[in-house]
């Protein structure tokens, strides 16, 4: 496993650069495409994910069962129904493939969280998302809704200062 220094402030600066709106003064943000032309926005969001995927591990991805089309990247490790452990080495194309689907959740945590637990969280409410992140000791969580236009991004507030996540 590789480690990274991920701080709330550093994460907030990266999200601010994408025009994210912070929710309720919590470390939870909403990304919507109206701040950029659609193509540039998608490219910048994928760039943020690529940076996270290339530095923070372990990473887990879940996709809503109704949206899975069987086109899962060959180097992903299936660990539960509709749940994969993301490879430590990822390519930009890997990210592009599943970000187009929608209804997915990507998070960094020491262990995977069941689909039932993730699905029970109301991802539209910042306090619920933050509780999911902190209760499960996630480093961060990124969730895309069904049409992949709105993303919710949360970072664990315990990642302040120079906490090293490995």
C-alpha atoms as a PDB file:
ATOM      1  CA  UNK A   1       0.000   0.000   0.000  1.00  0.00           C
ATOM      2  CA  UNK A   2       1.175   3.477  -0.716  1.00  0.00           C
ATOM      3  CA  UNK A   3       0.415   6.385   1.582  1.00  0.00           C
ATOM      4  CA  UNK A   4      -0.538   9.954   0.964  1.00  0.00           C
ATOM      5  CA  UNK A   5      -0.910  13.052   3.009  1.00  0.00           C
ATOM      6  CA  UNK A   6      -4.503  14.094   2.518  1.00  0.00           C
ATOM      7  CA  UNK A   7      -5.654  17.022   4.609  1.00  0.00           C
ATOM      8  CA  UNK A   8      -9.061  18.603   4.756  1.00  0.00           C
ATOM      9  CA  UNK A   9      -7.574  21.955   3.719  1.00  0.00           C
ATOM     10  CA  UNK A  10      -5.696  20.482   0.765  1.00  0.00           C
ATOM     11  CA  UNK A  11      -8.770  18.599  -0.394  1.00  0.00           C
ATOM     12  CA  UNK A  12     -10.934  21.708   0.009  1.00  0.00           C
ATOM     13  CA  UNK A  13      -8.543  23.745  -2.153  1.00  0.00           C
ATOM     14  CA  UNK A  14      -8.681  21.128  -4.919  1.00  0.00           C
ATOM     15  CA  UNK A  15     -12.479  21.078  -4.795  1.00  0.00           C
ATOM     16  CA  UNK A  16     -12.677  24.865  -4.748  1.00  0.00           C
ATOM     17  CA  UNK A  17     -10.692  24.820  -7.994  1.00  0.00           C
ATOM     18  CA  UNK A  18     -13.517  22.751  -9.481  1.00  0.00           C
ATOM     19  CA  UNK A  19     -16.169  25.209  -8.316  1.00  0.00           C
ATOM     20  CA  UNK A  20     -17.514  22.877  -5.638  1.00  0.00           C
ATOM     21  CA  UNK A  21     -20.041  24.182  -3.131  1.00  0.00           C
ATOM     22  CA  UNK A  22     -19.391  23.309   0.493  1.00  0.00           C
ATOM     23  CA  UNK A  23     -22.495  22.032   2.283  1.00  0.00           C
ATOM     24  CA  UNK A  24     -23.501  23.256   5.753  1.00  0.00           C
ATOM     25  CA  UNK A  25     -19.910  24.240   6.684  1.00  0.00           C
ATOM     26  CA  UNK A  26     -19.044  20.523   6.776  1.00  0.00           C
ATOM     27  CA  UNK A  27     -16.214  18.817   4.863  1.00  0.00           C
ATOM     28  CA  UNK A  28     -18.782  17.766   2.244  1.00  0.00           C
ATOM     29  CA  UNK A  29     -19.010  19.371  -1.195  1.00  0.00           C
ATOM     30  CA  UNK A  30     -21.277  19.223  -4.228  1.00  0.00           C
ATOM     31  CA  UNK A  31     -19.865  19.320  -7.747  1.00  0.00           C
ATOM     32  CA  UNK A  32     -22.249  20.377 -10.494  1.00  0.00           C
ATOM     33  CA  UNK A  33     -21.355  20.989 -14.161  1.00  0.00           C
ATOM     34  CA  UNK A  34     -22.817  24.476 -14.521  1.00  0.00           C
ATOM     35  CA  UNK A  35     -19.543  26.058 -13.412  1.00  0.00           C
ATOM     36  CA  UNK A  36     -17.673  24.922 -16.537  1.00  0.00           C
ATOM     37  CA  UNK A  37     -18.366  23.859 -20.068  1.00  0.00           C
ATOM     38  CA  UNK A  38     -19.450  20.222 -19.867  1.00  0.00           C
ATOM     39  CA  UNK A  39     -16.327  18.726 -21.465  1.00  0.00           C
ATOM     40  CA  UNK A  40     -13.886  20.698 -19.343  1.00  0.00           C
ATOM     41  CA  UNK A  41     -15.845  19.909 -16.182  1.00  0.00           C
ATOM     42  CA  UNK A  42     -15.800  16.161 -16.864  1.00  0.00           C
ATOM     43  CA  UNK A  43     -12.092  16.259 -17.629  1.00  0.00           C
ATOM     44  CA  UNK A  44     -11.311  18.159 -14.419  1.00  0.00           C
ATOM     45  CA  UNK A  45     -13.464  15.848 -12.276  1.00  0.00           C
ATOM     46  CA  UNK A  46     -11.774  12.808 -13.786  1.00  0.00           C
ATOM     47  CA  UNK A  47      -8.418  14.448 -13.105  1.00  0.00           C
ATOM     48  CA  UNK A  48      -9.352  14.817  -9.424  1.00  0.00           C
ATOM     49  CA  UNK A  49     -10.334  11.147  -9.276  1.00  0.00           C
ATOM     50  CA  UNK A  50      -7.183  10.086 -11.082  1.00  0.00           C
ATOM     51  CA  UNK A  51      -5.077  11.916  -8.509  1.00  0.00           C
ATOM     52  CA  UNK A  52      -6.961  10.293  -5.627  1.00  0.00           C
ATOM     53  CA  UNK A  53      -6.869   6.841  -7.236  1.00  0.00           C
ATOM     54  CA  UNK A  54      -3.160   7.027  -7.887  1.00  0.00           C
ATOM     55  CA  UNK A  55      -2.256   8.082  -4.339  1.00  0.00           C
ATOM     56  CA  UNK A  56      -4.742   6.723  -1.779  1.00  0.00           C
ATOM     57  CA  UNK A  57      -5.232   3.027  -1.095  1.00  0.00           C
ATOM     58  CA  UNK A  58      -7.091   0.853  -0.564  1.00  0.00           C
ATOM     59  CA  UNK A  59      -9.875   2.161  -2.783  1.00  0.00           C
ATOM     60  CA  UNK A  60     -13.264   0.585  -3.247  1.00  0.00           C
ATOM     61  CA  UNK A  61     -15.884   1.167  -5.915  1.00  0.00           C
ATOM     62  CA  UNK A  62     -19.515   0.193  -5.808  1.00  0.00           C
ATOM     63  CA  UNK A  63     -21.952   0.614  -8.673  1.00  0.00           C
ATOM     64  CA  UNK A  64     -25.716   0.365  -8.319  1.00  0.00           C
ATOM     65  CA  UNK A  65     -26.759  -3.160  -9.367  1.00  0.00           C
ATOM     66  CA  UNK A  66     -29.234  -1.792 -11.901  1.00  0.00           C
ATOM     67  CA  UNK A  67     -26.447   0.116 -13.678  1.00  0.00           C
ATOM     68  CA  UNK A  68     -23.827  -2.614 -13.944  1.00  0.00           C
ATOM     69  CA  UNK A  69     -23.413  -3.575 -17.579  1.00  0.00           C
ATOM     70  CA  UNK A  70     -20.762  -6.248 -17.125  1.00  0.00           C
ATOM     71  CA  UNK A  71     -18.015  -4.033 -18.542  1.00  0.00           C
ATOM     72  CA  UNK A  72     -15.822  -4.025 -15.459  1.00  0.00           C
ATOM     73  CA  UNK A  73     -12.157  -3.363 -16.032  1.00  0.00           C
ATOM     74  CA  UNK A  74     -10.147  -6.579 -16.042  1.00  0.00           C
ATOM     75  CA  UNK A  75      -7.706  -5.434 -13.365  1.00  0.00           C
ATOM     76  CA  UNK A  76     -10.359  -4.670 -10.746  1.00  0.00           C
ATOM     77  CA  UNK A  77     -10.705  -7.186  -7.936  1.00  0.00           C
ATOM     78  CA  UNK A  78     -14.331  -8.187  -7.271  1.00  0.00           C
ATOM     79  CA  UNK A  79     -14.810  -8.499  -3.504  1.00  0.00           C
ATOM     80  CA  UNK A  80     -18.600  -8.602  -3.106  1.00  0.00           C
ATOM     81  CA  UNK A  81     -21.641  -8.230  -5.364  1.00  0.00           C
ATOM     82  CA  UNK A  82     -21.331  -4.878  -7.159  1.00  0.00           C
ATOM     83  CA  UNK A  83     -18.200  -4.036  -5.156  1.00  0.00           C
ATOM     84  CA  UNK A  84     -14.615  -3.912  -6.419  1.00  0.00           C
ATOM     85  CA  UNK A  85     -11.262  -3.110  -4.947  1.00  0.00           C
ATOM     86  CA  UNK A  86      -9.612  -0.633  -7.268  1.00  0.00           C
ATOM     87  CA  UNK A  87      -6.109  -1.497  -8.476  1.00  0.00           C
ATOM     88  CA  UNK A  88      -3.230   0.445  -6.952  1.00  0.00           C
ATOM     89  CA  UNK A  89      -2.083   1.448 -10.410  1.00  0.00           C
ATOM     90  CA  UNK A  90      -4.846   3.052 -12.417  1.00  0.00           C
ATOM     91  CA  UNK A  91      -4.938   4.649 -15.816  1.00  0.00           C
ATOM     92  CA  UNK A  92      -7.036   7.641 -16.807  1.00  0.00           C
ATOM     93  CA  UNK A  93      -9.040   5.413 -19.175  1.00  0.00           C
ATOM     94  CA  UNK A  94      -9.982   3.124 -16.266  1.00  0.00           C
ATOM     95  CA  UNK A  95     -11.583   6.070 -14.520  1.00  0.00           C
ATOM     96  CA  UNK A  96     -13.329   7.341 -17.642  1.00  0.00           C
ATOM     97  CA  UNK A  97     -15.039   3.987 -18.205  1.00  0.00           C
ATOM     98  CA  UNK A  98     -16.928   3.828 -14.921  1.00  0.00           C
ATOM     99  CA  UNK A  99     -17.473   7.536 -14.335  1.00  0.00           C
ATOM    100  CA  UNK A 100     -19.778   7.574 -17.346  1.00  0.00           C
ATOM    101  CA  UNK A 101     -22.184   5.108 -15.718  1.00  0.00           C
ATOM    102  CA  UNK A 102     -23.462   7.093 -12.728  1.00  0.00           C
ATOM    103  CA  UNK A 103     -24.814   5.628  -9.475  1.00  0.00           C
ATOM    104  CA  UNK A 104     -21.356   4.823  -8.165  1.00  0.00           C
ATOM    105  CA  UNK A 105     -19.494   5.422  -4.926  1.00  0.00           C
ATOM    106  CA  UNK A 106     -15.716   5.502  -4.641  1.00  0.00           C
ATOM    107  CA  UNK A 107     -14.093   5.628  -1.216  1.00  0.00           C
ATOM    108  CA  UNK A 108     -10.814   4.983   0.547  1.00  0.00           C
ATOM    109  CA  UNK A 109     -10.982   2.895   3.690  1.00  0.00           C
ATOM    110  CA  UNK A 110      -9.028   0.110   5.391  1.00  0.00           C
ATOM    111  CA  UNK A 111     -11.831  -2.343   4.500  1.00  0.00           C
ATOM    112  CA  UNK A 112     -14.809  -2.450   2.195  1.00  0.00           C
ATOM    113  CA  UNK A 113     -18.227  -1.300   3.378  1.00  0.00           C
ATOM    114  CA  UNK A 114     -21.236  -3.396   2.395  1.00  0.00           C
ATOM    115  CA  UNK A 115     -23.481  -2.171  -0.379  1.00  0.00           C
ATOM    116  CA  UNK A 116     -26.406  -2.193   2.074  1.00  0.00           C
ATOM    117  CA  UNK A 117     -24.632   0.243   4.422  1.00  0.00           C
ATOM    118  CA  UNK A 118     -23.644   2.554   1.566  1.00  0.00           C
ATOM    119  CA  UNK A 119     -27.107   2.363  -0.003  1.00  0.00           C
ATOM    120  CA  UNK A 120     -28.817   3.231   3.285  1.00  0.00           C
ATOM    121  CA  UNK A 121     -27.084   6.614   3.473  1.00  0.00           C
ATOM    122  CA  UNK A 122     -28.986   9.621   2.155  1.00  0.00           C
ATOM    123  CA  UNK A 123     -26.223  11.036  -0.041  1.00  0.00           C
ATOM    124  CA  UNK A 124     -28.198  14.254  -0.544  1.00  0.00           C
ATOM    125  CA  UNK A 125     -27.707  15.259   3.092  1.00  0.00           C
ATOM    126  CA  UNK A 126     -24.249  16.442   4.091  1.00  0.00           C
ATOM    127  CA  UNK A 127     -24.619  15.382   7.725  1.00  0.00           C
ATOM    128  CA  UNK A 128     -25.556  11.829   6.678  1.00  0.00           C
ATOM    129  CA  UNK A 129     -22.614  11.573   4.289  1.00  0.00           C
ATOM    130  CA  UNK A 130     -20.215  12.889   6.909  1.00  0.00           C
ATOM    131  CA  UNK A 131     -21.532  10.401   9.465  1.00  0.00           C
ATOM    132  CA  UNK A 132     -21.035   7.542   6.976  1.00  0.00           C
ATOM    133  CA  UNK A 133     -17.455   8.686   6.357  1.00  0.00           C
ATOM    134  CA  UNK A 134     -16.538   9.132  10.018  1.00  0.00           C
ATOM    135  CA  UNK A 135     -18.382   6.065  11.373  1.00  0.00           C
ATOM    136  CA  UNK A 136     -16.548   3.842   8.883  1.00  0.00           C
ATOM    137  CA  UNK A 137     -13.210   5.661   9.204  1.00  0.00           C
ATOM    138  CA  UNK A 138     -13.081   6.428   5.483  1.00  0.00           C
ATOM    139  CA  UNK A 139     -10.438   8.789   4.201  1.00  0.00           C
ATOM    140  CA  UNK A 140     -12.778  10.216   1.567  1.00  0.00           C
ATOM    141  CA  UNK A 141     -15.910   9.367  -0.392  1.00  0.00           C
ATOM    142  CA  UNK A 142     -17.055  10.450  -3.851  1.00  0.00           C
ATOM    143  CA  UNK A 143     -20.592   9.564  -4.957  1.00  0.00           C
ATOM    144  CA  UNK A 144     -22.204  10.161  -8.345  1.00  0.00           C
ATOM    145  CA  UNK A 145     -25.934  10.184  -8.840  1.00  0.00           C
ATOM    146  CA  UNK A 146     -27.794   8.313 -11.579  1.00  0.00           C
ATOM    147  CA  UNK A 147     -27.006  10.625 -14.496  1.00  0.00           C
ATOM    148  CA  UNK A 148     -23.417  11.335 -13.369  1.00  0.00           C
ATOM    149  CA  UNK A 149     -23.936  15.103 -13.349  1.00  0.00           C
ATOM    150  CA  UNK A 150     -24.050  15.723  -9.597  1.00  0.00           C
ATOM    151  CA  UNK A 151     -21.239  14.452  -7.381  1.00  0.00           C
ATOM    152  CA  UNK A 152     -21.048  14.532  -3.600  1.00  0.00           C
ATOM    153  CA  UNK A 153     -17.526  14.577  -2.184  1.00  0.00           C
ATOM    154  CA  UNK A 154     -16.651  14.185   1.503  1.00  0.00           C
ATOM    155  CA  UNK A 155     -13.380  14.026   3.382  1.00  0.00           C
ATOM    156  CA  UNK A 156     -12.931  12.748   6.902  1.00  0.00           C
ATOM    157  CA  UNK A 157     -12.437  15.777   9.202  1.00  0.00           C
ATOM    158  CA  UNK A 158      -9.871  13.781  11.174  1.00  0.00           C
ATOM    159  CA  UNK A 159      -7.569  14.247   8.184  1.00  0.00           C
ATOM    160  CA  UNK A 160      -6.320  17.572   9.392  1.00  0.00           C
ATOM    161  CA  UNK A 161      -2.763  18.684   9.849  1.00  0.00           C
ATOM    162  CA  UNK A 162      -0.391  16.143   8.343  1.00  0.00           C
ATOM    163  CA  UNK A 163      -2.189  12.860   9.036  1.00  0.00           C
ATOM    164  CA  UNK A 164      -0.676  10.116   6.888  1.00  0.00           C
ATOM    165  CA  UNK A 165      -3.210   7.715   5.406  1.00  0.00           C
ATOM    166  CA  UNK A 166      -1.688   4.428   4.288  1.00  0.00           C
END
